[in-house]
Amino acid sequence: MKPQHRAVPTPIDGQVSVVTEAEKPVGGLIPVYVAIANGSDEGRAIHPSQVFALNQNGERIAPVPPIEAAREAGGANKLKAAVESGALGGAAEGAVGAGAGALAGLVSGGVGPGAAIGAAVGAAQGALWSAPLGQGEAENQANAQIQGLALNDTEVRKDFTVSGYVFFPAGSYTDLEMLVVNTETGATETVKVPWR
């Protein structure tokens, strides 16, 4: 899913406004962009775990947490990042190996062959040692990116807007429903919008 610039609702005096847009399915998931504007005098708390997709029977379907959503989507981008990270790690190890080989070559009387052997050994070791580290780092970066795109627990103050993605299992839905908490009184209200 590529980050895109999306429209957000303008706060309307006295109202909580919600705009949604469902993306094309990714693996077994549907990412849904949700933007909330608060035009009321009281702050509102938003909890993504309280955003639900409603199916044709009116049943509420809970969202998939962002990290689980990344895993369920197939992780193709993670794999690419891991391969690129592993290749870069192997190249760096190759450079260190070439330096060590050159030193060994100087001691034994020839820089060229020592450097070549050191580079080959270093690149092989780097690829083996860096690939798992690169994959872990790529997963951390992908998870951070997913968290950055996701709708988070937050307070929406008067005239503020928040937005992000919520992820649902692939299916056929009619509406999106969310519970919004009034931060002044603790009361909850249900906001329901058509699935788009």
Protein backbone atom coordinates (compact mmCIF):
# COMPACT_ATOMS: atom_id res chain seq x y z
CA MET A 1 0.00 0.00 0.00
CA LYS A 2 1.57 3.27 -1.09
CA PRO A 3 0.95 6.30 1.13
CA GLN A 4 -1.29 8.75 -0.63
CA HIS A 5 -2.51 12.22 0.16
CA ARG A 6 -6.14 11.94 1.12
CA ALA A 7 -8.90 14.43 1.74
CA VAL A 8 -9.92 14.93 5.34
CA PRO A 9 -13.25 16.37 6.49
CA THR A 10 -13.46 19.99 7.55
CA PRO A 11 -14.65 20.33 11.16
CA ILE A 12 -18.33 21.34 11.21
CA ASP A 13 -19.48 23.31 14.24
CA GLY A 14 -21.07 21.00 16.81
CA GLN A 15 -20.43 17.75 14.87
CA VAL A 16 -18.03 14.85 14.58
CA SER A 17 -17.47 14.14 10.87
CA VAL A 18 -16.03 10.94 9.41
CA VAL A 19 -14.77 10.20 5.89
CA THR A 20 -13.78 6.69 4.79
CA GLU A 21 -12.38 5.08 1.69
CA ALA A 22 -11.78 1.35 1.25
CA GLU A 23 -8.74 0.36 -0.79
CA LYS A 24 -8.42 -2.67 -3.06
CA PRO A 25 -7.83 -5.90 -1.08
CA VAL A 26 -4.21 -6.75 -0.27
CA GLY A 27 -3.85 -10.47 0.39
CA GLY A 28 -6.75 -11.32 2.66
CA LEU A 29 -7.22 -7.75 3.93
CA ILE A 30 -8.98 -4.54 3.02
CA PRO A 31 -7.20 -1.36 4.15
CA VAL A 32 -9.70 1.40 4.92
CA TYR A 33 -8.68 5.04 5.18
CA VAL A 34 -10.55 6.77 8.02
CA ALA A 35 -10.46 10.53 8.76
CA ILE A 36 -12.25 12.08 11.73
CA ALA A 37 -12.86 15.83 12.28
CA ASN A 38 -14.16 17.21 15.58
CA GLY A 39 -16.22 20.38 15.37
CA SER A 40 -17.78 19.93 18.82
CA ASP A 41 -16.70 21.79 21.96
CA GLU A 42 -15.56 18.60 23.76
CA GLY A 43 -12.57 16.46 22.86
CA ARG A 44 -13.19 12.99 21.45
CA ALA A 45 -11.05 9.88 21.93
CA ILE A 46 -10.63 7.52 19.00
CA HIS A 47 -9.64 3.87 19.48
CA PRO A 48 -9.04 1.89 16.26
CA SER A 49 -10.09 -1.31 18.04
CA GLN A 50 -13.55 0.28 18.26
CA VAL A 51 -13.90 0.79 14.49
CA PHE A 52 -15.97 -2.00 12.96
CA ALA A 53 -17.00 -3.12 9.48
CA LEU A 54 -20.68 -4.09 9.25
CA ASN A 55 -21.67 -6.93 6.96
CA GLN A 56 -25.05 -7.45 5.23
CA ASN A 57 -26.45 -9.07 8.41
CA GLY A 58 -25.45 -6.07 10.53
CA GLU A 59 -22.73 -8.07 12.29
CA ARG A 60 -19.73 -6.09 13.52
CA ILE A 61 -16.38 -7.32 12.22
CA ALA A 62 -13.36 -6.30 14.31
CA PRO A 63 -10.30 -4.77 12.67
CA VAL A 64 -7.01 -6.63 12.31
CA PRO A 65 -4.17 -4.99 14.32
CA PRO A 66 -1.61 -3.27 12.03
CA ILE A 67 1.35 -5.62 12.65
CA GLU A 68 -0.84 -8.69 12.12
CA ALA A 69 -2.29 -7.01 9.01
CA ALA A 70 1.24 -6.60 7.60
CA ARG A 71 1.90 -10.30 8.18
CA GLU A 72 -1.41 -11.41 6.68
CA ALA A 73 -0.93 -9.21 3.60
CA GLY A 74 1.90 -11.46 2.44
CA GLY A 75 4.95 -9.40 3.33
CA ALA A 76 6.20 -8.98 -0.27
CA ASN A 77 7.65 -5.56 0.55
CA LYS A 78 9.36 -6.96 3.64
CA LEU A 79 11.00 -9.68 1.59
CA LYS A 80 12.28 -7.14 -0.93
CA ALA A 81 13.66 -4.94 1.85
CA ALA A 82 15.32 -7.96 3.49
CA VAL A 83 16.99 -9.00 0.23
CA GLU A 84 18.22 -5.46 -0.43
CA SER A 85 19.42 -5.09 3.15
CA GLY A 86 21.17 -8.47 3.02
CA ALA A 87 22.86 -7.59 -0.27
CA LEU A 88 24.13 -4.31 1.17
CA GLY A 89 25.34 -6.10 4.29
CA GLY A 90 27.17 -8.66 2.16
CA ALA A 91 28.86 -5.93 0.12
CA ALA A 92 30.06 -4.22 3.29
CA GLU A 93 31.39 -7.52 4.68
CA GLY A 94 33.10 -8.08 1.32
CA ALA A 95 34.89 -4.75 1.63
CA VAL A 96 36.13 -5.66 5.13
CA GLY A 97 37.19 -9.09 3.86
CA ALA A 98 39.07 -7.51 0.97
CA GLY A 99 40.95 -5.29 3.41
CA ALA A 100 41.84 -8.26 5.62
CA GLY A 101 42.86 -10.26 2.54
CA ALA A 102 45.07 -7.39 1.37
CA LEU A 103 46.81 -7.36 4.74
CA ALA A 104 47.29 -11.13 4.57
CA GLY A 105 48.54 -10.74 1.01
CA LEU A 106 51.11 -8.14 2.09
CA VAL A 107 52.47 -10.51 4.71
CA SER A 108 52.72 -13.37 2.21
CA GLY A 109 54.09 -11.22 -0.61
CA GLY A 110 51.14 -10.33 -2.85
CA VAL A 111 48.23 -7.92 -2.31
CA GLY A 112 46.06 -8.91 -5.33
CA PRO A 113 45.33 -12.58 -4.59
CA GLY A 114 44.91 -11.97 -0.85
CA ALA A 115 42.43 -9.17 -1.47
CA ALA A 116 40.45 -11.29 -3.94
CA ILE A 117 40.22 -14.21 -1.53
CA GLY A 118 39.36 -11.88 1.36
CA ALA A 119 36.65 -10.17 -0.69
CA ALA A 120 35.06 -13.48 -1.70
CA VAL A 121 35.11 -14.85 1.84
CA GLY A 122 33.89 -11.55 3.29
CA ALA A 123 31.03 -11.27 0.80
CA ALA A 124 29.91 -14.84 1.48
CA GLN A 125 30.09 -14.35 5.25
CA GLY A 126 28.36 -10.99 4.98
CA ALA A 127 25.52 -12.44 2.97
CA LEU A 128 25.05 -15.26 5.48
CA TRP A 129 25.37 -13.09 8.59
CA SER A 130 23.66 -9.94 7.33
CA ALA A 131 20.63 -11.48 5.62
CA PRO A 132 18.90 -12.43 8.91
CA LEU A 133 19.91 -9.12 10.48
CA GLY A 134 18.78 -7.28 7.35
CA GLN A 135 15.46 -9.11 7.40
CA GLY A 136 14.89 -8.21 11.04
CA GLU A 137 15.75 -4.59 10.39
CA ALA A 138 13.53 -4.52 7.28
CA GLU A 139 10.66 -6.01 9.32
CA ASN A 140 11.19 -3.35 12.00
CA GLN A 141 11.14 -0.61 9.36
CA ALA A 142 8.06 -2.07 7.65
CA ASN A 143 6.28 -2.39 11.02
CA ALA A 144 7.16 1.22 11.86
CA GLN A 145 5.83 2.32 8.47
CA ILE A 146 2.60 0.35 8.97
CA GLN A 147 2.17 1.87 12.45
CA GLY A 148 2.76 5.31 10.93
CA LEU A 149 0.02 4.74 8.36
CA ALA A 150 -2.47 3.18 10.78
CA LEU A 151 -5.15 5.03 12.72
CA ASN A 152 -3.87 5.21 16.31
CA ASP A 153 -5.42 5.72 19.73
CA THR A 154 -5.69 9.49 19.94
CA GLU A 155 -7.68 12.44 21.18
CA VAL A 156 -9.30 14.72 18.64
CA ARG A 157 -9.67 18.20 20.09
CA LYS A 158 -12.08 20.87 18.84
CA ASP A 159 -11.38 21.79 15.22
CA PHE A 160 -8.72 19.06 14.87
CA THR A 161 -8.65 16.19 12.38
CA VAL A 162 -6.94 12.78 12.61
CA SER A 163 -6.62 10.09 9.98
CA GLY A 164 -5.09 6.71 9.25
CA TYR A 165 -5.78 3.20 8.02
CA VAL A 166 -7.77 0.44 9.69
CA PHE A 167 -7.49 -3.10 8.30
CA PHE A 168 -10.34 -5.60 7.94
CA PRO A 169 -10.51 -9.21 6.74
CA ALA A 170 -11.56 -9.40 3.10
CA GLY A 171 -15.34 -9.56 2.83
CA SER A 172 -18.45 -7.74 1.73
CA TYR A 173 -19.42 -4.83 3.96
CA THR A 174 -22.18 -2.21 3.97
CA ASP A 175 -21.12 0.29 6.65
CA LEU A 176 -18.32 1.35 8.93
CA GLU A 177 -19.21 1.95 12.57
CA MET A 178 -17.05 3.52 15.24
CA LEU A 179 -17.46 4.26 18.90
CA VAL A 180 -16.20 7.71 19.87
CA VAL A 181 -15.60 8.65 23.52
CA ASN A 182 -16.37 12.16 24.81
CA THR A 183 -13.24 13.00 26.83
CA GLU A 184 -15.17 15.49 29.03
CA THR A 185 -18.04 13.24 30.09
CA GLY A 186 -16.82 9.72 29.27
CA ALA A 187 -20.00 9.10 27.26
CA THR A 188 -19.73 7.15 24.02
CA GLU A 189 -21.47 7.83 20.77
CA THR A 190 -21.75 5.67 17.69
CA VAL A 191 -20.84 7.15 14.32
CA LYS A 192 -21.95 5.11 11.31
CA VAL A 193 -20.99 5.87 7.70
CA PRO A 194 -21.58 3.97 4.44
CA TRP A 195 -18.79 1.66 3.29
CA ARG A 196 -17.02 3.27 0.32
